[in-house]
PDB file of N, CA and C in Angstrom:
ATOM      1  N   MET A   1      26.452  26.199   5.806  1.00  0.00           N
ATOM      2  CA  MET A   1      25.819  24.902   5.923  1.00  0.00           C
ATOM      3  C   MET A   1      24.865  24.947   7.109  1.00  0.00           C
ATOM      4  N   SER A   2      23.693  24.491   6.911  1.00  0.00           N
ATOM      5  CA  SER A   2      22.712  24.541   7.991  1.00  0.00           C
ATOM      6  C   SER A   2      23.025  23.485   9.041  1.00  0.00           C
ATOM      7  N   GLN A   3      22.742  23.844  10.268  1.00  0.00           N
ATOM      8  CA  GLN A   3      22.981  22.927  11.373  1.00  0.00           C
ATOM      9  C   GLN A   3      21.675  22.243  11.741  1.00  0.00           C
ATOM     10  N   THR A   4      21.787  21.035  12.231  1.00  0.00           N
ATOM     11  CA  THR A   4      20.601  20.288  12.623  1.00  0.00           C
ATOM     12  C   THR A   4      20.635  20.035  14.120  1.00  0.00           C
ATOM     13  N   ASN A   5      19.470  19.837  14.688  1.00  0.00           N
ATOM     14  CA  ASN A   5      19.392  19.514  16.115  1.00  0.00           C
ATOM     15  C   ASN A   5      19.478  18.022  16.359  1.00  0.00           C
ATOM     16  N   GLU A   6      19.564  17.253  15.291  1.00  0.00           N
ATOM     17  CA  GLU A   6      19.628  15.807  15.437  1.00  0.00           C
ATOM     18  C   GLU A   6      21.018  15.387  15.901  1.00  0.00           C
ATOM     19  N   PRO A   7      21.096  14.324  16.692  1.00  0.00           N
ATOM     20  CA  PRO A   7      22.415  13.838  17.107  1.00  0.00           C
ATOM     21  C   PRO A   7      23.144  13.242  15.909  1.00  0.00           C
ATOM     22  N   PRO A   8      24.467  13.150  15.957  1.00  0.00           N
ATOM     23  CA  PRO A   8      25.208  12.555  14.851  1.00  0.00           C
ATOM     24  C   PRO A   8      24.799  11.097  14.645  1.00  0.00           C
ATOM     25  N   LEU A   9      24.869  10.675  13.401  1.00  0.00           N
ATOM     26  CA  LEU A   9      24.514   9.304  13.069  1.00  0.00           C
ATOM     27  C   LEU A   9      25.482   8.345  13.746  1.00  0.00           C
ATOM     28  N   ASP A  10      24.948   7.318  14.391  1.00  0.00           N
ATOM     29  CA  ASP A  10      25.777   6.334  15.080  1.00  0.00           C
ATOM     30  C   ASP A  10      25.065   4.991  15.040  1.00  0.00           C
ATOM     31  N   LEU A  11      25.849   3.931  15.142  1.00  0.00           N
ATOM     32  CA  LEU A  11      25.294   2.582  15.158  1.00  0.00           C
ATOM     33  C   LEU A  11      24.619   2.341  16.504  1.00  0.00           C
ATOM     34  N   GLU A  12      23.332   2.116  16.472  1.00  0.00           N
ATOM     35  CA  GLU A  12      22.561   1.941  17.701  1.00  0.00           C
ATOM     36  C   GLU A  12      22.467   0.474  18.108  1.00  0.00           C
ATOM     37  N   SER A  13      22.136  -0.373  17.155  1.00  0.00           N
ATOM     38  CA  SER A  13      22.020  -1.798  17.454  1.00  0.00           C
ATOM     39  C   SER A  13      22.060  -2.565  16.136  1.00  0.00           C
ATOM     40  N   TRP A  14      22.199  -3.864  16.238  1.00  0.00           N
ATOM     41  CA  TRP A  14      22.174  -4.702  15.049  1.00  0.00           C
ATOM     42  C   TRP A  14      21.746  -6.107  15.436  1.00  0.00           C
ATOM     43  N   ASN A  15      21.239  -6.815  14.435  1.00  0.00           N
ATOM     44  CA  ASN A  15      20.904  -8.225  14.589  1.00  0.00           C
ATOM     45  C   ASN A  15      20.840  -8.829  13.193  1.00  0.00           C
ATOM     46  N   ILE A  16      20.760 -10.120  13.122  1.00  0.00           N
ATOM     47  CA  ILE A  16      20.684 -10.815  11.839  1.00  0.00           C
ATOM     48  C   ILE A  16      19.354 -11.539  11.769  1.00  0.00           C
ATOM     49  N   LYS A  17      18.589 -11.209  10.731  1.00  0.00           N
ATOM     50  CA  LYS A  17      17.300 -11.863  10.526  1.00  0.00           C
ATOM     51  C   LYS A  17      17.521 -13.022   9.544  1.00  0.00           C
ATOM     52  N   VAL A  18      17.162 -14.215   9.964  1.00  0.00           N
ATOM     53  CA  VAL A  18      17.338 -15.415   9.147  1.00  0.00           C
ATOM     54  C   VAL A  18      15.970 -15.875   8.648  1.00  0.00           C
ATOM     55  N   LYS A  19      15.874 -16.100   7.330  1.00  0.00           N
ATOM     56  CA  LYS A  19      14.621 -16.588   6.742  1.00  0.00           C
ATOM     57  C   LYS A  19      14.909 -17.941   6.092  1.00  0.00           C
ATOM     58  N   LEU A  20      14.104 -18.907   6.430  1.00  0.00           N
ATOM     59  CA  LEU A  20      14.222 -20.229   5.828  1.00  0.00           C
ATOM     60  C   LEU A  20      13.205 -20.369   4.706  1.00  0.00           C
ATOM     61  N   ASN A  21      13.451 -21.310   3.781  1.00  0.00           N
ATOM     62  CA  ASN A  21      12.565 -21.440   2.622  1.00  0.00           C
ATOM     63  C   ASN A  21      11.172 -21.972   2.976  1.00  0.00           C
ATOM     64  N   ASP A  22      10.973 -22.406   4.211  1.00  0.00           N
ATOM     65  CA  ASP A  22       9.627 -22.833   4.612  1.00  0.00           C
ATOM     66  C   ASP A  22       8.835 -21.694   5.257  1.00  0.00           C
ATOM     67  N   GLY A  23       9.415 -20.465   5.208  1.00  0.00           N
ATOM     68  CA  GLY A  23       8.729 -19.308   5.761  1.00  0.00           C
ATOM     69  C   GLY A  23       9.105 -19.005   7.207  1.00  0.00           C
ATOM     70  N   THR A  24       9.861 -19.902   7.824  1.00  0.00           N
ATOM     71  CA  THR A  24      10.290 -19.684   9.203  1.00  0.00           C
ATOM     72  C   THR A  24      11.329 -18.560   9.249  1.00  0.00           C
ATOM     73  N   GLU A  25      11.215 -17.726  10.253  1.00  0.00           N
ATOM     74  CA  GLU A  25      12.174 -16.648  10.468  1.00  0.00           C
ATOM     75  C   GLU A  25      12.632 -16.655  11.919  1.00  0.00           C
ATOM     76  N   PHE A  26      13.893 -16.301  12.125  1.00  0.00           N
ATOM     77  CA  PHE A  26      14.373 -16.074  13.485  1.00  0.00           C
ATOM     78  C   PHE A  26      15.470 -15.028  13.454  1.00  0.00           C
ATOM     79  N   ILE A  27      15.729 -14.457  14.601  1.00  0.00           N
ATOM     80  CA  ILE A  27      16.695 -13.362  14.701  1.00  0.00           C
ATOM     81  C   ILE A  27      17.850 -13.789  15.599  1.00  0.00           C
ATOM     82  N   LEU A  28      19.057 -13.565  15.080  1.00  0.00           N
ATOM     83  CA  LEU A  28      20.266 -13.773  15.881  1.00  0.00           C
ATOM     84  C   LEU A  28      20.705 -12.424  16.415  1.00  0.00           C
ATOM     85  N   ARG A  29      20.848 -12.344  17.713  1.00  0.00           N
ATOM     86  CA  ARG A  29      21.298 -11.114  18.357  1.00  0.00           C
ATOM     87  C   ARG A  29      22.751 -11.277  18.766  1.00  0.00           C
ATOM     88  N   PRO A  30      23.463 -10.164  18.943  1.00  0.00           N
ATOM     89  CA  PRO A  30      24.879 -10.253  19.309  1.00  0.00           C
ATOM     90  C   PRO A  30      25.129 -11.125  20.547  1.00  0.00           C
ATOM     91  N   GLU A  31      24.224 -11.038  21.514  1.00  0.00           N
ATOM     92  CA  GLU A  31      24.422 -11.827  22.738  1.00  0.00           C
ATOM     93  C   GLU A  31      24.243 -13.333  22.508  1.00  0.00           C
ATOM     94  N   ASP A  32      23.684 -13.716  21.341  1.00  0.00           N
ATOM     95  CA  ASP A  32      23.497 -15.133  21.015  1.00  0.00           C
ATOM     96  C   ASP A  32      24.728 -15.744  20.340  1.00  0.00           C
ATOM     97  N   MET A  33      25.739 -14.935  20.042  1.00  0.00           N
ATOM     98  CA  MET A  33      26.870 -15.381  19.237  1.00  0.00           C
ATOM     99  C   MET A  33      28.140 -15.493  20.052  1.00  0.00           C
ATOM    100  N   PRO A  34      29.056 -16.361  19.606  1.00  0.00           N
ATOM    101  CA  PRO A  34      30.369 -16.404  20.235  1.00  0.00           C
ATOM    102  C   PRO A  34      31.081 -15.058  20.049  1.00  0.00           C
ATOM    103  N   LYS A  35      31.922 -14.706  21.001  1.00  0.00           N
ATOM    104  CA  LYS A  35      32.563 -13.393  21.014  1.00  0.00           C
ATOM    105  C   LYS A  35      33.356 -13.116  19.730  1.00  0.00           C
ATOM    106  N   ASN A  36      34.110 -14.099  19.241  1.00  0.00           N
ATOM    107  CA  ASN A  36      34.924 -13.844  18.051  1.00  0.00           C
ATOM    108  C   ASN A  36      34.059 -13.604  16.811  1.00  0.00           C
ATOM    109  N   LEU A  37      32.953 -14.321  16.679  1.00  0.00           N
ATOM    110  CA  LEU A  37      32.033 -14.107  15.558  1.00  0.00           C
ATOM    111  C   LEU A  37      31.388 -12.728  15.671  1.00  0.00           C
ATOM    112  N   LYS A  38      30.968 -12.386  16.873  1.00  0.00           N
ATOM    113  CA  LYS A  38      30.352 -11.074  17.108  1.00  0.00           C
ATOM    114  C   LYS A  38      31.334  -9.957  16.750  1.00  0.00           C
ATOM    115  N   ASN A  39      32.583 -10.078  17.160  1.00  0.00           N
ATOM    116  CA  ASN A  39      33.587  -9.052  16.859  1.00  0.00           C
ATOM    117  C   ASN A  39      33.840  -8.941  15.352  1.00  0.00           C
ATOM    118  N   ASN A  40      33.896 -10.076  14.662  1.00  0.00           N
ATOM    119  CA  ASN A  40      34.089 -10.050  13.210  1.00  0.00           C
ATOM    120  C   ASN A  40      32.902  -9.381  12.511  1.00  0.00           C
ATOM    121  N   LEU A  41      31.713  -9.683  12.969  1.00  0.00           N
ATOM    122  CA  LEU A  41      30.520  -9.065  12.378  1.00  0.00           C
ATOM    123  C   LEU A  41      30.482  -7.560  12.640  1.00  0.00           C
ATOM    124  N   ILE A  42      30.901  -7.141  13.805  1.00  0.00           N
ATOM    125  CA  ILE A  42      30.938  -5.712  14.131  1.00  0.00           C
ATOM    126  C   ILE A  42      31.900  -4.990  13.191  1.00  0.00           C
ATOM    127  N   GLU A  43      33.030  -5.621  12.871  1.00  0.00           N
ATOM    128  CA  GLU A  43      33.972  -5.014  11.927  1.00  0.00           C
ATOM    129  C   GLU A  43      33.322  -4.830  10.555  1.00  0.00           C
ATOM    130  N   VAL A  44      32.616  -5.847  10.088  1.00  0.00           N
ATOM    131  CA  VAL A  44      31.938  -5.769   8.790  1.00  0.00           C
ATOM    132  C   VAL A  44      30.844  -4.707   8.823  1.00  0.00           C
ATOM    133  N   ILE A  45      30.062  -4.687   9.876  1.00  0.00           N
ATOM    134  CA  ILE A  45      28.990  -3.700  10.015  1.00  0.00           C
ATOM    135  C   ILE A  45      29.571  -2.286  10.028  1.00  0.00           C
ATOM    136  N   ASN A  46      30.677  -2.080  10.723  1.00  0.00           N
ATOM    137  CA  ASN A  46      31.301  -0.756  10.774  1.00  0.00           C
ATOM    138  C   ASN A  46      31.763  -0.296   9.397  1.00  0.00           C
ATOM    139  N   VAL A  47      32.295  -1.204   8.596  1.00  0.00           N
ATOM    140  CA  VAL A  47      32.707  -0.847   7.232  1.00  0.00           C
ATOM    141  C   VAL A  47      31.500  -0.312   6.460  1.00  0.00           C
ATOM    142  N   TYR A  48      30.402  -1.044   6.493  1.00  0.00           N
ATOM    143  CA  TYR A  48      29.205  -0.614   5.771  1.00  0.00           C
ATOM    144  C   TYR A  48      28.596   0.642   6.380  1.00  0.00           C
ATOM    145  N   PHE A  49      28.694   0.788   7.668  1.00  0.00           N
ATOM    146  CA  PHE A  49      28.207   1.998   8.327  1.00  0.00           C
ATOM    147  C   PHE A  49      28.964   3.218   7.805  1.00  0.00           C
ATOM    148  N   TYR A  50      30.293   3.147   7.745  1.00  0.00           N
ATOM    149  CA  TYR A  50      31.087   4.283   7.287  1.00  0.00           C
ATOM    150  C   TYR A  50      30.913   4.539   5.791  1.00  0.00           C
ATOM    151  N   ILE A  51      30.672   3.505   5.021  1.00  0.00           N
ATOM    152  CA  ILE A  51      30.349   3.693   3.607  1.00  0.00           C
ATOM    153  C   ILE A  51      29.052   4.502   3.499  1.00  0.00           C
ATOM    154  N   HIS A  52      28.078   4.149   4.307  1.00  0.00           N
ATOM    155  CA  HIS A  52      26.795   4.865   4.317  1.00  0.00           C
ATOM    156  C   HIS A  52      26.985   6.322   4.746  1.00  0.00           C
ATOM    157  N   VAL A  53      27.767   6.551   5.778  1.00  0.00           N
ATOM    158  CA  VAL A  53      28.016   7.913   6.259  1.00  0.00           C
ATOM    159  C   VAL A  53      28.708   8.729   5.166  1.00  0.00           C
ATOM    160  N   ASP A  54      29.717   8.157   4.506  1.00  0.00           N
ATOM    161  CA  ASP A  54      30.410   8.867   3.429  1.00  0.00           C
ATOM    162  C   ASP A  54      29.454   9.201   2.286  1.00  0.00           C
ATOM    163  N   HIS A  55      28.579   8.256   1.976  1.00  0.00           N
ATOM    164  CA  HIS A  55      27.588   8.498   0.922  1.00  0.00           C
ATOM    165  C   HIS A  55      26.692   9.681   1.296  1.00  0.00           C
ATOM    166  N   LEU A  56      26.227   9.707   2.535  1.00  0.00           N
ATOM    167  CA  LEU A  56      25.366  10.809   2.976  1.00  0.00           C
ATOM    168  C   LEU A  56      26.104  12.139   2.930  1.00  0.00           C
ATOM    169  N   LYS A  57      27.365  12.136   3.352  1.00  0.00           N
ATOM    170  CA  LYS A  57      28.147  13.378   3.328  1.00  0.00           C
ATOM    171  C   LYS A  57      28.284  13.899   1.903  1.00  0.00           C
ATOM    172  N   SER A  58      28.614  13.018   0.976  1.00  0.00           N
ATOM    173  CA  SER A  58      28.783  13.472  -0.404  1.00  0.00           C
ATOM    174  C   SER A  58      27.447  13.888  -1.002  1.00  0.00           C
ATOM    175  N   LYS A  59      26.383  13.173  -0.686  1.00  0.00           N
ATOM    176  CA  LYS A  59      25.058  13.511  -1.208  1.00  0.00           C
ATOM    177  C   LYS A  59      24.638  14.905  -0.760  1.00  0.00           C
ATOM    178  N   TYR A  60      24.742  15.176   0.528  1.00  0.00           N
ATOM    179  CA  TYR A  60      24.271  16.451   1.040  1.00  0.00           C
ATOM    180  C   TYR A  60      25.230  17.585   0.737  1.00  0.00           C
ATOM    181  N   SER A  61      26.512  17.322   0.609  1.00  0.00           N
ATOM    182  CA  SER A  61      27.430  18.403   0.244  1.00  0.00           C
ATOM    183  C   SER A  61      27.170  18.824  -1.192  1.00  0.00           C
ATOM    184  N   GLU A  62      26.807  17.890  -2.081  1.00  0.00           N
ATOM    185  CA  GLU A  62      26.462  18.247  -3.458  1.00  0.00           C
ATOM    186  C   GLU A  62      25.203  19.097  -3.482  1.00  0.00           C
ATOM    187  N   GLU A  63      24.224  18.758  -2.669  1.00  0.00           N
ATOM    188  CA  GLU A  63      22.999  19.547  -2.628  1.00  0.00           C
ATOM    189  C   GLU A  63      23.287  20.951  -2.128  1.00  0.00           C
ATOM    190  N   ILE A  64      24.148  21.066  -1.124  1.00  0.00           N
ATOM    191  CA  ILE A  64      24.494  22.378  -0.586  1.00  0.00           C
ATOM    192  C   ILE A  64      25.278  23.161  -1.633  1.00  0.00           C
ATOM    193  N   TYR A  65      26.222  22.486  -2.313  1.00  0.00           N
ATOM    194  CA  TYR A  65      26.986  23.159  -3.356  1.00  0.00           C
ATOM    195  C   TYR A  65      26.045  23.649  -4.455  1.00  0.00           C
ATOM    196  N   GLY A  66      25.125  22.821  -4.865  1.00  0.00           N
ATOM    197  CA  GLY A  66      24.166  23.205  -5.892  1.00  0.00           C
ATOM    198  C   GLY A  66      23.331  24.392  -5.465  1.00  0.00           C
ATOM    199  N   GLN A  67      22.946  24.435  -4.212  1.00  0.00           N
ATOM    200  CA  GLN A  67      22.148  25.542  -3.691  1.00  0.00           C
ATOM    201  C   GLN A  67      22.983  26.822  -3.698  1.00  0.00           C
ATOM    202  N   ARG A  68      24.220  26.739  -3.251  1.00  0.00           N
ATOM    203  CA  ARG A  68      25.090  27.923  -3.247  1.00  0.00           C
ATOM    204  C   ARG A  68      25.334  28.409  -4.669  1.00  0.00           C
ATOM    205  N   GLU A  69      25.589  27.463  -5.559  1.00  0.00           N
ATOM    206  CA  GLU A  69      25.824  27.823  -6.951  1.00  0.00           C
ATOM    207  C   GLU A  69      24.606  28.547  -7.523  1.00  0.00           C
ATOM    208  N   GLN A  70      23.410  28.049  -7.238  1.00  0.00           N
ATOM    209  CA  GLN A  70      22.188  28.683  -7.716  1.00  0.00           C
ATOM    210  C   GLN A  70      22.033  30.088  -7.135  1.00  0.00           C
ATOM    211  N   GLU A  71      22.345  30.249  -5.858  1.00  0.00           N
ATOM    212  CA  GLU A  71      22.255  31.566  -5.229  1.00  0.00           C
ATOM    213  C   GLU A  71      23.236  32.543  -5.878  1.00  0.00           C
ATOM    214  N   GLU A  72      24.454  32.057  -6.179  1.00  0.00           N
ATOM    215  CA  GLU A  72      25.448  32.910  -6.827  1.00  0.00           C
ATOM    216  C   GLU A  72      24.978  33.309  -8.227  1.00  0.00           C
ATOM    217  N   LEU A  73      24.402  32.349  -8.954  1.00  0.00           N
ATOM    218  CA  LEU A  73      23.885  32.672 -10.285  1.00  0.00           C
ATOM    219  C   LEU A  73      22.765  33.699 -10.205  1.00  0.00           C
ATOM    220  N   ASN A  74      21.860  33.539  -9.233  1.00  0.00           N
ATOM    221  CA  ASN A  74      20.764  34.492  -9.051  1.00  0.00           C
ATOM    222  C   ASN A  74      21.304  35.884  -8.740  1.00  0.00           C
ATOM    223  N   GLU A  75      22.296  35.936  -7.862  1.00  0.00           N
ATOM    224  CA  GLU A  75      22.892  37.218  -7.489  1.00  0.00           C
ATOM    225  C   GLU A  75      23.585  37.857  -8.691  1.00  0.00           C
ATOM    226  N   SER A  76      24.288  37.049  -9.457  1.00  0.00           N
ATOM    227  CA  SER A  76      24.963  37.536 -10.657  1.00  0.00           C
ATOM    228  C   SER A  76      23.947  38.077 -11.665  1.00  0.00           C
ATOM    229  N   TYR A  77      22.845  37.367 -11.827  1.00  0.00           N
ATOM    230  CA  TYR A  77      21.785  37.799 -12.743  1.00  0.00           C
ATOM    231  C   TYR A  77      21.189  39.136 -12.288  1.00  0.00           C
ATOM    232  N   LYS A  78      20.929  39.259 -10.989  1.00  0.00           N
ATOM    233  CA  LYS A  78      20.380  40.510 -10.459  1.00  0.00           C
ATOM    234  C   LYS A  78      21.354  41.668 -10.699  1.00  0.00           C
ATOM    235  N   GLN A  79      22.648  41.407 -10.481  1.00  0.00           N
ATOM    236  CA  GLN A  79      23.660  42.437 -10.685  1.00  0.00           C
ATOM    237  C   GLN A  79      23.733  42.828 -12.157  1.00  0.00           C
ATOM    238  N   SER A  80      23.627  41.825 -13.026  1.00  0.00           N
ATOM    239  CA  SER A  80      23.653  42.081 -14.462  1.00  0.00           C
ATOM    240  C   SER A  80      22.467  42.955 -14.875  1.00  0.00           C
ATOM    241  N   LEU A  81      21.284  42.664 -14.348  1.00  0.00           N
ATOM    242  CA  LEU A  81      20.100  43.482 -14.647  1.00  0.00           C
ATOM    243  C   LEU A  81      20.281  44.912 -14.141  1.00  0.00           C
ATOM    244  N   ALA A  82      20.840  45.044 -12.945  1.00  0.00           N
ATOM    245  CA  ALA A  82      21.061  46.378 -12.382  1.00  0.00           C
ATOM    246  C   ALA A  82      22.048  47.156 -13.241  1.00  0.00           C
ATOM    247  N   ASN A  83      23.115  46.490 -13.709  1.00  0.00           N
ATOM    248  CA  ASN A  83      24.100  47.152 -14.563  1.00  0.00           C
ATOM    249  C   ASN A  83      23.473  47.575 -15.889  1.00  0.00           C
ATOM    250  N   LYS A  84      22.636  46.706 -16.451  1.00  0.00           N
ATOM    251  CA  LYS A  84      21.964  47.014 -17.722  1.00  0.00           C
ATOM    252  C   LYS A  84      21.051  48.230 -17.554  1.00  0.00           C
ATOM    253  N   LYS A  85      20.305  48.253 -16.463  1.00  0.00           N
ATOM    254  CA  LYS A  85      19.393  49.370 -16.196  1.00  0.00           C
ATOM    255  C   LYS A  85      20.192  50.663 -16.033  1.00  0.00           C
ATOM    256  N   GLU A  86      21.323  50.572 -15.355  1.00  0.00           N
ATOM    257  CA  GLU A  86      22.168  51.752 -15.143  1.00  0.00           C
ATOM    258  C   GLU A  86      22.712  52.263 -16.481  1.00  0.00           C
ATOM    259  N   ARG A  87      23.129  51.350 -17.364  1.00  0.00           N
ATOM    260  CA  ARG A  87      23.631  51.744 -18.681  1.00  0.00           C
ATOM    261  C   ARG A  87      22.525  52.411 -19.495  1.00  0.00           C
ATOM    262  N   GLU A  88      21.316  51.825 -19.445  1.00  0.00           N
ATOM    263  CA  GLU A  88      20.197  52.396 -20.182  1.00  0.00           C
ATOM    264  C   GLU A  88      19.868  53.797 -19.670  1.00  0.00           C
ATOM    265  N   THR A  89      19.928  53.986 -18.362  1.00  0.00           N
ATOM    266  CA  THR A  89      19.664  55.294 -17.767  1.00  0.00           C
ATOM    267  C   THR A  89      20.738  56.285 -18.206  1.00  0.00           C
ATOM    268  N   ASP A  90      22.003  55.855 -18.212  1.00  0.00           N
ATOM    269  CA  ASP A  90      23.099  56.731 -18.640  1.00  0.00           C
ATOM    270  C   ASP A  90      22.958  57.091 -20.116  1.00  0.00           C
ATOM    271  N   ASP A  91      22.552  56.117 -20.950  1.00  0.00           N
ATOM    272  CA  ASP A  91      22.396  56.363 -22.390  1.00  0.00           C
ATOM    273  C   ASP A  91      21.268  57.361 -22.644  1.00  0.00           C
ATOM    274  N   SER A  92      20.173  57.244 -21.932  1.00  0.00           N
ATOM    275  CA  SER A  92      19.035  58.137 -22.139  1.00  0.00           C
ATOM    276  C   SER A  92      19.350  59.547 -21.645  1.00  0.00           C
ATOM    277  N   SER A  93      20.213  59.701 -20.640  1.00  0.00           N
ATOM    278  CA  SER A  93      20.580  61.024 -20.128  1.00  0.00           C
ATOM    279  C   SER A  93      21.505  61.728 -21.109  1.00  0.00           C
ATOM    280  N   GLU A  94      22.318  60.957 -21.824  1.00  0.00           N
ATOM    281  CA  GLU A  94      23.254  61.543 -22.763  1.00  0.00           C
ATOM    282  C   GLU A  94      22.530  62.057 -24.005  1.00  0.00           C
ATOM    283  N   ASN A  95      21.393  61.489 -24.345  1.00  0.00           N
ATOM    284  CA  ASN A  95      20.656  61.901 -25.546  1.00  0.00           C
ATOM    285  C   ASN A  95      19.795  63.042 -25.233  1.00  0.00           C
TER     286      ASN A  95
END
């Protein structure tokens, strides 16, 4: 598995963007909220964060598996060609 120089994925910040039907928008930041609401929201955000991380892990592990599988098939094909060539050479020497 290839290694990356990027730091591990982590929650950096969050806020809530509110849009009203008159086009008005405003942002609620954690420091604008009561502590218990902020803590509850952090729990919800963490659930979705870990769902996202799990999705990325499964997505990229499938790509890596597919790449390895393709490499194994290529190697098997090359070996098969080499064996065929060797058999043909042996058959022509016997005649």
